[in-house]
């Protein structure tokens, strides 16, 4: 696998874990088992979404945002289902998943714009 793709996967996962952990605590969650679940869920979904997005964009040359929307919806639904099935503090697991992913995505876009502006 190309080193650039591996680097992108590692950076994306690390940032996602940081941002979604921050969101977890901002949302008032405290249970360690649910935090572990958040980490495991993102270890499953994030690399899959990033890899599928990268490969689809590379091979199809379609609009990157157009490719990202169904992949993010897939991640939100899968994560919500896992939070619902295995989580203890997630009263609205799909809303939590949507909110955490939105927070993480927005923080990533903001960070990227700051880094590119340097």
PDB file of N, CA and C in Angstrom:
ATOM      1  N   UNK A   1       0.853  -1.179   0.000  1.00  0.00           N
ATOM      2  CA  UNK A   1       0.000   0.000   0.000  1.00  0.00           C
ATOM      3  C   UNK A   1       0.898   1.240   0.000  1.00  0.00           C
ATOM      4  N   UNK A   2       0.480   2.230  -0.690  1.00  0.00           N
ATOM      5  CA  UNK A   2       1.223   3.467  -0.828  1.00  0.00           C
ATOM      6  C   UNK A   2       1.418   4.136   0.545  1.00  0.00           C
ATOM      7  N   UNK A   3       2.629   4.636   0.790  1.00  0.00           N
ATOM      8  CA  UNK A   3       2.935   5.274   2.076  1.00  0.00           C
ATOM      9  C   UNK A   3       2.071   6.499   2.321  1.00  0.00           C
ATOM     10  N   UNK A   4       1.747   7.231   1.281  1.00  0.00           N
ATOM     11  CA  UNK A   4       0.902   8.420   1.432  1.00  0.00           C
ATOM     12  C   UNK A   4      -0.485   8.047   1.935  1.00  0.00           C
ATOM     13  N   UNK A   5      -1.029   6.944   1.443  1.00  0.00           N
ATOM     14  CA  UNK A   5      -2.348   6.486   1.894  1.00  0.00           C
ATOM     15  C   UNK A   5      -2.274   6.044   3.352  1.00  0.00           C
ATOM     16  N   UNK A   6      -1.216   5.329   3.699  1.00  0.00           N
ATOM     17  CA  UNK A   6      -1.053   4.896   5.096  1.00  0.00           C
ATOM     18  C   UNK A   6      -0.930   6.099   6.031  1.00  0.00           C
ATOM     19  N   UNK A   7      -0.179   7.105   5.605  1.00  0.00           N
ATOM     20  CA  UNK A   7      -0.050   8.321   6.419  1.00  0.00           C
ATOM     21  C   UNK A   7      -1.401   9.016   6.571  1.00  0.00           C
ATOM     22  N   UNK A   8      -2.154   9.114   5.480  1.00  0.00           N
ATOM     23  CA  UNK A   8      -3.475   9.755   5.525  1.00  0.00           C
ATOM     24  C   UNK A   8      -4.410   8.978   6.452  1.00  0.00           C
ATOM     25  N   UNK A   9      -4.365   7.666   6.388  1.00  0.00           N
ATOM     26  CA  UNK A   9      -5.202   6.839   7.264  1.00  0.00           C
ATOM     27  C   UNK A   9      -4.840   7.057   8.733  1.00  0.00           C
ATOM     28  N   UNK A  10      -3.550   7.076   9.020  1.00  0.00           N
ATOM     29  CA  UNK A  10      -3.103   7.246  10.414  1.00  0.00           C
ATOM     30  C   UNK A  10      -3.459   8.630  10.952  1.00  0.00           C
ATOM     31  N   UNK A  11      -3.219   9.662  10.154  1.00  0.00           N
ATOM     32  CA  UNK A  11      -3.523  11.028  10.602  1.00  0.00           C
ATOM     33  C   UNK A  11      -5.025  11.205  10.785  1.00  0.00           C
ATOM     34  N   UNK A  12      -5.800  10.726   9.831  1.00  0.00           N
ATOM     35  CA  UNK A  12      -7.255  10.855   9.922  1.00  0.00           C
ATOM     36  C   UNK A  12      -7.795  10.137  11.150  1.00  0.00           C
ATOM     37  N   UNK A  13      -7.317   8.933  11.400  1.00  0.00           N
ATOM     38  CA  UNK A  13      -7.790   8.177  12.566  1.00  0.00           C
ATOM     39  C   UNK A  13      -7.386   8.869  13.857  1.00  0.00           C
ATOM     40  N   UNK A  14      -6.149   9.320  13.936  1.00  0.00           N
ATOM     41  CA  UNK A  14      -5.685   9.989  15.159  1.00  0.00           C
ATOM     42  C   UNK A  14      -6.496  11.243  15.447  1.00  0.00           C
ATOM     43  N   UNK A  15      -6.712  12.065  14.424  1.00  0.00           N
ATOM     44  CA  UNK A  15      -7.488  13.287  14.623  1.00  0.00           C
ATOM     45  C   UNK A  15      -8.942  12.978  14.968  1.00  0.00           C
ATOM     46  N   UNK A  16      -9.508  11.986  14.311  1.00  0.00           N
ATOM     47  CA  UNK A  16     -10.888  11.587  14.612  1.00  0.00           C
ATOM     48  C   UNK A  16     -11.009  11.137  16.060  1.00  0.00           C
ATOM     49  N   UNK A  17     -10.066  10.346  16.518  1.00  0.00           N
ATOM     50  CA  UNK A  17     -10.115   9.875  17.911  1.00  0.00           C
ATOM     51  C   UNK A  17      -9.979  11.040  18.886  1.00  0.00           C
ATOM     52  N   UNK A  18      -9.119  11.984  18.578  1.00  0.00           N
ATOM     53  CA  UNK A  18      -8.966  13.151  19.445  1.00  0.00           C
ATOM     54  C   UNK A  18     -10.257  13.972  19.471  1.00  0.00           C
ATOM     55  N   UNK A  19     -10.768  14.315  18.293  1.00  0.00           N
ATOM     56  CA  UNK A  19     -11.946  15.181  18.223  1.00  0.00           C
ATOM     57  C   UNK A  19     -13.193  14.503  18.786  1.00  0.00           C
ATOM     58  N   UNK A  20     -13.375  13.223  18.493  1.00  0.00           N
ATOM     59  CA  UNK A  20     -14.573  12.549  18.994  1.00  0.00           C
ATOM     60  C   UNK A  20     -14.477  12.254  20.489  1.00  0.00           C
ATOM     61  N   UNK A  21     -13.277  12.080  21.001  1.00  0.00           N
ATOM     62  CA  UNK A  21     -13.116  11.942  22.450  1.00  0.00           C
ATOM     63  C   UNK A  21     -13.457  13.261  23.139  1.00  0.00           C
ATOM     64  N   UNK A  22     -13.003  14.358  22.566  1.00  0.00           N
ATOM     65  CA  UNK A  22     -13.371  15.670  23.104  1.00  0.00           C
ATOM     66  C   UNK A  22     -14.888  15.826  23.090  1.00  0.00           C
ATOM     67  N   UNK A  23     -15.514  15.467  21.975  1.00  0.00           N
ATOM     68  CA  UNK A  23     -16.967  15.571  21.879  1.00  0.00           C
ATOM     69  C   UNK A  23     -17.648  14.675  22.915  1.00  0.00           C
ATOM     70  N   UNK A  24     -17.139  13.485  23.109  1.00  0.00           N
ATOM     71  CA  UNK A  24     -17.671  12.538  24.081  1.00  0.00           C
ATOM     72  C   UNK A  24     -17.784  13.195  25.454  1.00  0.00           C
ATOM     73  N   UNK A  25     -16.706  13.850  25.884  1.00  0.00           N
ATOM     74  CA  UNK A  25     -16.718  14.499  27.197  1.00  0.00           C
ATOM     75  C   UNK A  25     -17.578  15.764  27.198  1.00  0.00           C
ATOM     76  N   UNK A  26     -17.554  16.531  26.115  1.00  0.00           N
ATOM     77  CA  UNK A  26     -18.417  17.712  26.012  1.00  0.00           C
ATOM     78  C   UNK A  26     -19.897  17.338  26.062  1.00  0.00           C
ATOM     79  N   UNK A  27     -20.219  16.146  25.567  1.00  0.00           N
ATOM     80  CA  UNK A  27     -21.600  15.662  25.573  1.00  0.00           C
ATOM     81  C   UNK A  27     -22.009  15.101  26.929  1.00  0.00           C
ATOM     82  N   UNK A  28     -21.095  15.142  27.892  1.00  0.00           N
ATOM     83  CA  UNK A  28     -21.417  14.701  29.243  1.00  0.00           C
ATOM     84  C   UNK A  28     -21.242  13.221  29.479  1.00  0.00           C
ATOM     85  N   UNK A  29     -20.629  12.547  28.552  1.00  0.00           N
ATOM     86  CA  UNK A  29     -20.379  11.110  28.725  1.00  0.00           C
ATOM     87  C   UNK A  29     -19.149  10.927  29.610  1.00  0.00           C
ATOM     88  N   UNK A  30     -19.188   9.918  30.465  1.00  0.00           N
ATOM     89  CA  UNK A  30     -18.069   9.699  31.374  1.00  0.00           C
ATOM     90  C   UNK A  30     -17.679   8.224  31.501  1.00  0.00           C
ATOM     91  N   UNK A  31     -18.556   7.329  31.116  1.00  0.00           N
ATOM     92  CA  UNK A  31     -18.322   5.907  31.328  1.00  0.00           C
ATOM     93  C   UNK A  31     -17.166   5.399  30.467  1.00  0.00           C
ATOM     94  N   UNK A  32     -16.176   4.806  31.113  1.00  0.00           N
ATOM     95  CA  UNK A  32     -14.992   4.306  30.420  1.00  0.00           C
ATOM     96  C   UNK A  32     -15.305   3.282  29.352  1.00  0.00           C
ATOM     97  N   UNK A  33     -16.289   2.416  29.595  1.00  0.00           N
ATOM     98  CA  UNK A  33     -16.650   1.399  28.603  1.00  0.00           C
ATOM     99  C   UNK A  33     -17.206   2.046  27.337  1.00  0.00           C
ATOM    100  N   UNK A  34     -17.964   3.123  27.500  1.00  0.00           N
ATOM    101  CA  UNK A  34     -18.490   3.813  26.331  1.00  0.00           C
ATOM    102  C   UNK A  34     -17.394   4.564  25.584  1.00  0.00           C
ATOM    103  N   UNK A  35     -16.404   5.068  26.304  1.00  0.00           N
ATOM    104  CA  UNK A  35     -15.266   5.706  25.646  1.00  0.00           C
ATOM    105  C   UNK A  35     -14.477   4.668  24.851  1.00  0.00           C
ATOM    106  N   UNK A  36     -14.278   3.505  25.420  1.00  0.00           N
ATOM    107  CA  UNK A  36     -13.608   2.418  24.701  1.00  0.00           C
ATOM    108  C   UNK A  36     -14.412   2.033  23.464  1.00  0.00           C
ATOM    109  N   UNK A  37     -15.737   1.981  23.603  1.00  0.00           N
ATOM    110  CA  UNK A  37     -16.600   1.678  22.460  1.00  0.00           C
ATOM    111  C   UNK A  37     -16.415   2.726  21.373  1.00  0.00           C
ATOM    112  N   UNK A  38     -16.386   3.998  21.750  1.00  0.00           N
ATOM    113  CA  UNK A  38     -16.180   5.073  20.781  1.00  0.00           C
ATOM    114  C   UNK A  38     -14.872   4.863  20.019  1.00  0.00           C
ATOM    115  N   UNK A  39     -13.821   4.525  20.735  1.00  0.00           N
ATOM    116  CA  UNK A  39     -12.523   4.296  20.094  1.00  0.00           C
ATOM    117  C   UNK A  39     -12.604   3.109  19.137  1.00  0.00           C
ATOM    118  N   UNK A  40     -13.157   2.004  19.593  1.00  0.00           N
ATOM    119  CA  UNK A  40     -13.234   0.805  18.748  1.00  0.00           C
ATOM    120  C   UNK A  40     -14.101   1.022  17.513  1.00  0.00           C
ATOM    121  N   UNK A  41     -15.218   1.699  17.704  1.00  0.00           N
ATOM    122  CA  UNK A  41     -16.120   1.985  16.583  1.00  0.00           C
ATOM    123  C   UNK A  41     -15.393   2.816  15.529  1.00  0.00           C
ATOM    124  N   UNK A  42     -14.641   3.819  15.968  1.00  0.00           N
ATOM    125  CA  UNK A  42     -13.925   4.669  15.021  1.00  0.00           C
ATOM    126  C   UNK A  42     -12.730   3.960  14.386  1.00  0.00           C
ATOM    127  N   UNK A  43     -12.119   3.048  15.104  1.00  0.00           N
ATOM    128  CA  UNK A  43     -11.031   2.263  14.521  1.00  0.00           C
ATOM    129  C   UNK A  43     -11.566   1.386  13.382  1.00  0.00           C
ATOM    130  N   UNK A  44     -12.818   1.001  13.473  1.00  0.00           N
ATOM    131  CA  UNK A  44     -13.444   0.203  12.414  1.00  0.00           C
ATOM    132  C   UNK A  44     -13.897   1.088  11.251  1.00  0.00           C
ATOM    133  N   UNK A  45     -14.633   2.151  11.549  1.00  0.00           N
ATOM    134  CA  UNK A  45     -15.279   2.916  10.477  1.00  0.00           C
ATOM    135  C   UNK A  45     -14.368   3.939   9.809  1.00  0.00           C
ATOM    136  N   UNK A  46     -13.530   4.624  10.571  1.00  0.00           N
ATOM    137  CA  UNK A  46     -12.738   5.706   9.979  1.00  0.00           C
ATOM    138  C   UNK A  46     -11.799   5.234   8.873  1.00  0.00           C
ATOM    139  N   UNK A  47     -10.959   4.226   9.103  1.00  0.00           N
ATOM    140  CA  UNK A  47     -10.073   3.799   8.016  1.00  0.00           C
ATOM    141  C   UNK A  47     -10.847   3.303   6.787  1.00  0.00           C
ATOM    142  N   UNK A  48     -11.972   2.658   7.032  1.00  0.00           N
ATOM    143  CA  UNK A  48     -12.788   2.169   5.924  1.00  0.00           C
ATOM    144  C   UNK A  48     -13.311   3.325   5.078  1.00  0.00           C
ATOM    145  N   UNK A  49     -13.842   4.350   5.736  1.00  0.00           N
ATOM    146  CA  UNK A  49     -14.375   5.512   5.018  1.00  0.00           C
ATOM    147  C   UNK A  49     -13.258   6.251   4.289  1.00  0.00           C
ATOM    148  N   UNK A  50     -12.143   6.484   4.958  1.00  0.00           N
ATOM    149  CA  UNK A  50     -11.038   7.222   4.343  1.00  0.00           C
ATOM    150  C   UNK A  50     -10.469   6.458   3.156  1.00  0.00           C
ATOM    151  N   UNK A  51     -10.289   5.158   3.304  1.00  0.00           N
ATOM    152  CA  UNK A  51      -9.751   4.349   2.207  1.00  0.00           C
ATOM    153  C   UNK A  51     -10.721   4.302   1.032  1.00  0.00           C
ATOM    154  N   UNK A  52     -11.997   4.063   1.310  1.00  0.00           N
ATOM    155  CA  UNK A  52     -12.990   4.035   0.228  1.00  0.00           C
ATOM    156  C   UNK A  52     -13.070   5.383  -0.479  1.00  0.00           C
ATOM    157  N   UNK A  53     -13.031   6.459   0.290  1.00  0.00           N
ATOM    158  CA  UNK A  53     -13.073   7.804  -0.306  1.00  0.00           C
ATOM    159  C   UNK A  53     -11.853   8.047  -1.184  1.00  0.00           C
ATOM    160  N   UNK A  54     -10.680   7.703  -0.679  1.00  0.00           N
ATOM    161  CA  UNK A  54      -9.445   7.918  -1.442  1.00  0.00           C
ATOM    162  C   UNK A  54      -9.430   7.109  -2.730  1.00  0.00           C
ATOM    163  N   UNK A  55      -9.801   5.845  -2.633  1.00  0.00           N
ATOM    164  CA  UNK A  55      -9.795   4.984  -3.818  1.00  0.00           C
ATOM    165  C   UNK A  55     -10.866   5.395  -4.826  1.00  0.00           C
ATOM    166  N   UNK A  56     -12.053   5.712  -4.335  1.00  0.00           N
ATOM    167  CA  UNK A  56     -13.135   6.123  -5.239  1.00  0.00           C
ATOM    168  C   UNK A  56     -12.771   7.424  -5.951  1.00  0.00           C
ATOM    169  N   UNK A  57     -12.192   8.359  -5.224  1.00  0.00           N
ATOM    170  CA  UNK A  57     -11.795   9.628  -5.837  1.00  0.00           C
ATOM    171  C   UNK A  57     -10.689   9.401  -6.862  1.00  0.00           C
ATOM    172  N   UNK A  58      -9.729   8.575  -6.516  1.00  0.00           N
ATOM    173  CA  UNK A  58      -8.603   8.314  -7.417  1.00  0.00           C
ATOM    174  C   UNK A  58      -9.054   7.641  -8.704  1.00  0.00           C
ATOM    175  N   UNK A  59      -9.926   6.646  -8.572  1.00  0.00           N
ATOM    176  CA  UNK A  59     -10.323   5.872  -9.751  1.00  0.00           C
ATOM    177  C   UNK A  59     -11.501   6.465 -10.517  1.00  0.00           C
ATOM    178  N   UNK A  60     -12.320   7.282  -9.879  1.00  0.00           N
ATOM    179  CA  UNK A  60     -13.509   7.788 -10.574  1.00  0.00           C
ATOM    180  C   UNK A  60     -13.386   9.247 -10.983  1.00  0.00           C
ATOM    181  N   UNK A  61     -12.544  10.018 -10.277  1.00  0.00           N
ATOM    182  CA  UNK A  61     -12.410  11.450 -10.513  1.00  0.00           C
ATOM    183  C   UNK A  61     -13.727  12.205 -10.315  1.00  0.00           C
ATOM    184  N   UNK A  62     -14.634  11.621  -9.524  1.00  0.00           N
ATOM    185  CA  UNK A  62     -15.880  12.299  -9.192  1.00  0.00           C
ATOM    186  C   UNK A  62     -15.607  13.380  -8.149  1.00  0.00           C
ATOM    187  N   UNK A  63     -16.560  14.236  -7.956  1.00  0.00           N
ATOM    188  CA  UNK A  63     -16.464  15.289  -6.955  1.00  0.00           C
ATOM    189  C   UNK A  63     -16.239  14.651  -5.576  1.00  0.00           C
ATOM    190  N   UNK A  64     -15.215  15.131  -4.872  1.00  0.00           N
ATOM    191  CA  UNK A  64     -14.848  14.547  -3.573  1.00  0.00           C
ATOM    192  C   UNK A  64     -15.982  14.649  -2.564  1.00  0.00           C
ATOM    193  N   UNK A  65     -16.692  15.779  -2.549  1.00  0.00           N
ATOM    194  CA  UNK A  65     -17.806  15.947  -1.608  1.00  0.00           C
ATOM    195  C   UNK A  65     -18.934  14.977  -1.925  1.00  0.00           C
ATOM    196  N   UNK A  66     -19.170  14.754  -3.204  1.00  0.00           N
ATOM    197  CA  UNK A  66     -20.220  13.824  -3.610  1.00  0.00           C
ATOM    198  C   UNK A  66     -19.912  12.406  -3.144  1.00  0.00           C
ATOM    199  N   UNK A  67     -18.661  12.040  -3.186  1.00  0.00           N
ATOM    200  CA  UNK A  67     -18.244  10.721  -2.722  1.00  0.00           C
ATOM    201  C   UNK A  67     -18.326  10.616  -1.203  1.00  0.00           C
ATOM    202  N   UNK A  68     -18.055  11.711  -0.530  1.00  0.00           N
ATOM    203  CA  UNK A  68     -17.979  11.699   0.930  1.00  0.00           C
ATOM    204  C   UNK A  68     -19.340  11.549   1.595  1.00  0.00           C
ATOM    205  N   UNK A  69     -20.371  12.125   1.017  1.00  0.00           N
ATOM    206  CA  UNK A  69     -21.691  12.123   1.658  1.00  0.00           C
ATOM    207  C   UNK A  69     -22.201  10.710   1.943  1.00  0.00           C
ATOM    208  N   UNK A  70     -22.272   9.804   0.953  1.00  0.00           N
ATOM    209  CA  UNK A  70     -22.771   8.456   1.289  1.00  0.00           C
ATOM    210  C   UNK A  70     -21.853   7.696   2.244  1.00  0.00           C
ATOM    211  N   UNK A  71     -20.560   7.956   2.164  1.00  0.00           N
ATOM    212  CA  UNK A  71     -19.633   7.282   3.083  1.00  0.00           C
ATOM    213  C   UNK A  71     -19.828   7.764   4.514  1.00  0.00           C
ATOM    214  N   UNK A  72     -20.045   9.057   4.699  1.00  0.00           N
ATOM    215  CA  UNK A  72     -20.297   9.585   6.044  1.00  0.00           C
ATOM    216  C   UNK A  72     -21.637   9.089   6.587  1.00  0.00           C
ATOM    217  N   UNK A  73     -22.634   9.017   5.728  1.00  0.00           N
ATOM    218  CA  UNK A  73     -23.935   8.479   6.155  1.00  0.00           C
ATOM    219  C   UNK A  73     -23.767   7.021   6.590  1.00  0.00           C
ATOM    220  N   UNK A  74     -23.015   6.263   5.829  1.00  0.00           N
ATOM    221  CA  UNK A  74     -22.730   4.877   6.181  1.00  0.00           C
ATOM    222  C   UNK A  74     -22.070   4.798   7.561  1.00  0.00           C
ATOM    223  N   UNK A  75     -21.054   5.650   7.791  1.00  0.00           N
ATOM    224  CA  UNK A  75     -20.348   5.646   9.078  1.00  0.00           C
ATOM    225  C   UNK A  75     -21.284   6.014  10.220  1.00  0.00           C
ATOM    226  N   UNK A  76     -22.108   7.031  10.015  1.00  0.00           N
ATOM    227  CA  UNK A  76     -23.031   7.486  11.065  1.00  0.00           C
ATOM    228  C   UNK A  76     -24.018   6.385  11.428  1.00  0.00           C
ATOM    229  N   UNK A  77     -24.567   5.724  10.423  1.00  0.00           N
ATOM    230  CA  UNK A  77     -25.544   4.654  10.673  1.00  0.00           C
ATOM    231  C   UNK A  77     -24.880   3.465  11.367  1.00  0.00           C
ATOM    232  N   UNK A  78     -23.715   3.066  10.885  1.00  0.00           N
ATOM    233  CA  UNK A  78     -23.005   1.934  11.504  1.00  0.00           C
ATOM    234  C   UNK A  78     -22.605   2.248  12.943  1.00  0.00           C
ATOM    235  N   UNK A  79     -22.055   3.434  13.160  1.00  0.00           N
ATOM    236  CA  UNK A  79     -21.639   3.806  14.510  1.00  0.00           C
ATOM    237  C   UNK A  79     -22.848   3.905  15.433  1.00  0.00           C
ATOM    238  N   UNK A  80     -23.927   4.513  14.938  1.00  0.00           N
ATOM    239  CA  UNK A  80     -25.138   4.619  15.747  1.00  0.00           C
ATOM    240  C   UNK A  80     -25.666   3.255  16.151  1.00  0.00           C
ATOM    241  N   UNK A  81     -25.641   2.319  15.213  1.00  0.00           N
ATOM    242  CA  UNK A  81     -26.113   0.961  15.508  1.00  0.00           C
ATOM    243  C   UNK A  81     -25.236   0.295  16.570  1.00  0.00           C
ATOM    244  N   UNK A  82     -23.933   0.505  16.483  1.00  0.00           N
ATOM    245  CA  UNK A  82     -23.027  -0.084  17.474  1.00  0.00           C
ATOM    246  C   UNK A  82     -23.181   0.581  18.840  1.00  0.00           C
ATOM    247  N   UNK A  83     -23.384   1.904  18.854  1.00  0.00           N
ATOM    248  CA  UNK A  83     -23.629   2.594  20.131  1.00  0.00           C
ATOM    249  C   UNK A  83     -24.942   2.110  20.755  1.00  0.00           C
ATOM    250  N   UNK A  84     -25.935   1.896  19.906  1.00  0.00           N
ATOM    251  CA  UNK A  84     -27.240   1.425  20.410  1.00  0.00           C
ATOM    252  C   UNK A  84     -27.117   0.018  20.981  1.00  0.00           C
ATOM    253  N   UNK A  85     -26.397  -0.837  20.285  1.00  0.00           N
ATOM    254  CA  UNK A  85     -26.292  -2.248  20.680  1.00  0.00           C
ATOM    255  C   UNK A  85     -25.395  -2.447  21.899  1.00  0.00           C
ATOM    256  N   UNK A  86     -24.274  -1.733  21.937  1.00  0.00           N
ATOM    257  CA  UNK A  86     -23.278  -2.016  22.969  1.00  0.00           C
ATOM    258  C   UNK A  86     -23.064  -0.895  23.986  1.00  0.00           C
ATOM    259  N   UNK A  87     -23.556   0.291  23.706  1.00  0.00           N
ATOM    260  CA  UNK A  87     -23.338   1.433  24.591  1.00  0.00           C
ATOM    261  C   UNK A  87     -24.256   1.412  25.798  1.00  0.00           C
ATOM    262  N   UNK A  88     -23.839   2.093  26.840  1.00  0.00           N
ATOM    263  CA  UNK A  88     -24.638   2.169  28.060  1.00  0.00           C
ATOM    264  C   UNK A  88     -25.183   3.572  28.302  1.00  0.00           C
ATOM    265  N   UNK A  89     -24.441   4.613  27.900  1.00  0.00           N
ATOM    266  CA  UNK A  89     -24.850   5.986  28.162  1.00  0.00           C
ATOM    267  C   UNK A  89     -25.451   6.678  26.933  1.00  0.00           C
ATOM    268  N   UNK A  90     -25.662   5.962  25.860  1.00  0.00           N
ATOM    269  CA  UNK A  90     -26.136   6.576  24.621  1.00  0.00           C
ATOM    270  C   UNK A  90     -27.657   6.460  24.531  1.00  0.00           C
ATOM    271  N   UNK A  91     -28.356   7.499  25.001  1.00  0.00           N
ATOM    272  CA  UNK A  91     -29.822   7.486  24.968  1.00  0.00           C
ATOM    273  C   UNK A  91     -30.337   7.671  23.538  1.00  0.00           C
ATOM    274  N   UNK A  92     -29.629   8.467  22.754  1.00  0.00           N
ATOM    275  CA  UNK A  92     -29.955   8.689  21.336  1.00  0.00           C
ATOM    276  C   UNK A  92     -28.701   8.399  20.524  1.00  0.00           C
ATOM    277  N   UNK A  93     -28.409   7.126  20.288  1.00  0.00           N
ATOM    278  CA  UNK A  93     -27.125   6.748  19.688  1.00  0.00           C
ATOM    279  C   UNK A  93     -26.906   7.304  18.278  1.00  0.00           C
ATOM    280  N   UNK A  94     -27.958   7.382  17.475  1.00  0.00           N
ATOM    281  CA  UNK A  94     -27.782   7.887  16.118  1.00  0.00           C
ATOM    282  C   UNK A  94     -27.544   9.395  16.121  1.00  0.00           C
ATOM    283  N   UNK A  95     -28.205  10.100  17.000  1.00  0.00           N
ATOM    284  CA  UNK A  95     -27.974  11.533  17.138  1.00  0.00           C
ATOM    285  C   UNK A  95     -26.565  11.792  17.665  1.00  0.00           C
ATOM    286  N   UNK A  96     -26.130  10.974  18.619  1.00  0.00           N
ATOM    287  CA  UNK A  96     -24.760  11.111  19.122  1.00  0.00           C
ATOM    288  C   UNK A  96     -23.768  10.884  17.987  1.00  0.00           C
ATOM    289  N   UNK A  97     -23.983   9.834  17.197  1.00  0.00           N
ATOM    290  CA  UNK A  97     -23.088   9.526  16.091  1.00  0.00           C
ATOM    291  C   UNK A  97     -23.058  10.663  15.080  1.00  0.00           C
ATOM    292  N   UNK A  98     -24.217  11.180  14.706  1.00  0.00           N
ATOM    293  CA  UNK A  98     -24.294  12.306  13.773  1.00  0.00           C
ATOM    294  C   UNK A  98     -23.560  13.519  14.339  1.00  0.00           C
ATOM    295  N   UNK A  99     -23.799  13.824  15.604  1.00  0.00           N
ATOM    296  CA  UNK A  99     -23.182  14.992  16.232  1.00  0.00           C
ATOM    297  C   UNK A  99     -21.673  14.835  16.366  1.00  0.00           C
ATOM    298  N   UNK A 100     -21.229  13.667  16.796  1.00  0.00           N
ATOM    299  CA  UNK A 100     -19.789  13.428  16.963  1.00  0.00           C
ATOM    300  C   UNK A 100     -19.073  13.501  15.620  1.00  0.00           C
ATOM    301  N   UNK A 101     -19.670  12.915  14.599  1.00  0.00           N
ATOM    302  CA  UNK A 101     -19.059  12.954  13.271  1.00  0.00           C
ATOM    303  C   UNK A 101     -19.058  14.366  12.706  1.00  0.00           C
ATOM    304  N   UNK A 102     -20.115  15.108  12.933  1.00  0.00           N
ATOM    305  CA  UNK A 102     -20.176  16.494  12.459  1.00  0.00           C
ATOM    306  C   UNK A 102     -19.126  17.352  13.162  1.00  0.00           C
ATOM    307  N   UNK A 103     -19.005  17.169  14.474  1.00  0.00           N
ATOM    308  CA  UNK A 103     -18.001  17.894  15.254  1.00  0.00           C
ATOM    309  C   UNK A 103     -16.602  17.571  14.739  1.00  0.00           C
ATOM    310  N   UNK A 104     -16.329  16.296  14.564  1.00  0.00           N
ATOM    311  CA  UNK A 104     -15.017  15.846  14.107  1.00  0.00           C
ATOM    312  C   UNK A 104     -14.722  16.362  12.698  1.00  0.00           C
ATOM    313  N   UNK A 105     -15.707  16.287  11.822  1.00  0.00           N
ATOM    314  CA  UNK A 105     -15.528  16.747  10.450  1.00  0.00           C
ATOM    315  C   UNK A 105     -15.249  18.256  10.420  1.00  0.00           C
ATOM    316  N   UNK A 106     -16.059  19.020  11.154  1.00  0.00           N
ATOM    317  CA  UNK A 106     -15.878  20.476  11.189  1.00  0.00           C
ATOM    318  C   UNK A 106     -14.526  20.853  11.783  1.00  0.00           C
ATOM    319  N   UNK A 107     -14.131  20.181  12.849  1.00  0.00           N
ATOM    320  CA  UNK A 107     -12.829  20.452  13.459  1.00  0.00           C
ATOM    321  C   UNK A 107     -11.699  20.120  12.489  1.00  0.00           C
ATOM    322  N   UNK A 108     -11.850  19.037  11.747  1.00  0.00           N
ATOM    323  CA  UNK A 108     -10.847  18.652  10.755  1.00  0.00           C
ATOM    324  C   UNK A 108     -10.735  19.664   9.622  1.00  0.00           C
ATOM    325  N   UNK A 109     -11.878  20.147   9.147  1.00  0.00           N
ATOM    326  CA  UNK A 109     -11.882  21.161   8.084  1.00  0.00           C
ATOM    327  C   UNK A 109     -11.219  22.446   8.594  1.00  0.00           C
ATOM    328  N   UNK A 110     -11.562  22.834   9.807  1.00  0.00           N
ATOM    329  CA  UNK A 110     -10.967  24.033  10.403  1.00  0.00           C
ATOM    330  C   UNK A 110      -9.457  23.862  10.565  1.00  0.00           C
ATOM    331  N   UNK A 111      -9.032  22.742  11.080  1.00  0.00           N
ATOM    332  CA  UNK A 111      -7.605  22.475  11.257  1.00  0.00           C
ATOM    333  C   UNK A 111      -6.879  22.487   9.910  1.00  0.00           C
ATOM    334  N   UNK A 112      -7.493  21.879   8.918  1.00  0.00           N
ATOM    335  CA  UNK A 112      -6.883  21.845   7.579  1.00  0.00           C
ATOM    336  C   UNK A 112      -6.729  23.254   7.007  1.00  0.00           C
ATOM    337  N   UNK A 113      -7.730  24.085   7.193  1.00  0.00           N
ATOM    338  CA  UNK A 113      -7.630  25.455   6.671  1.00  0.00           C
ATOM    339  C   UNK A 113      -6.556  26.255   7.406  1.00  0.00           C
ATOM    340  N   UNK A 114      -6.404  26.011   8.704  1.00  0.00           N
ATOM    341  CA  UNK A 114      -5.352  26.685   9.474  1.00  0.00           C
ATOM    342  C   UNK A 114      -3.967  26.219   8.992  1.00  0.00           C
ATOM    343  N   UNK A 115      -3.800  24.923   8.821  1.00  0.00           N
ATOM    344  CA  UNK A 115      -2.515  24.361   8.396  1.00  0.00           C
ATOM    345  C   UNK A 115      -2.169  24.849   6.986  1.00  0.00           C
ATOM    346  N   UNK A 116      -3.140  24.877   6.098  1.00  0.00           N
ATOM    347  CA  UNK A 116      -2.883  25.334   4.721  1.00  0.00           C
ATOM    348  C   UNK A 116      -2.585  26.825   4.675  1.00  0.00           C
ATOM    349  N   UNK A 117      -3.080  27.568   5.660  1.00  0.00           N
ATOM    350  CA  UNK A 117      -2.837  28.994   5.711  1.00  0.00           C
ATOM    351  C   UNK A 117      -1.449  29.363   6.224  1.00  0.00           C
ATOM    352  N   UNK A 118      -0.734  28.380   6.778  1.00  0.00           N
ATOM    353  CA  UNK A 118       0.605  28.652   7.320  1.00  0.00           C
ATOM    354  C   UNK A 118       1.636  28.797   6.237  1.00  0.00           C
TER     355      UNK A 118
END
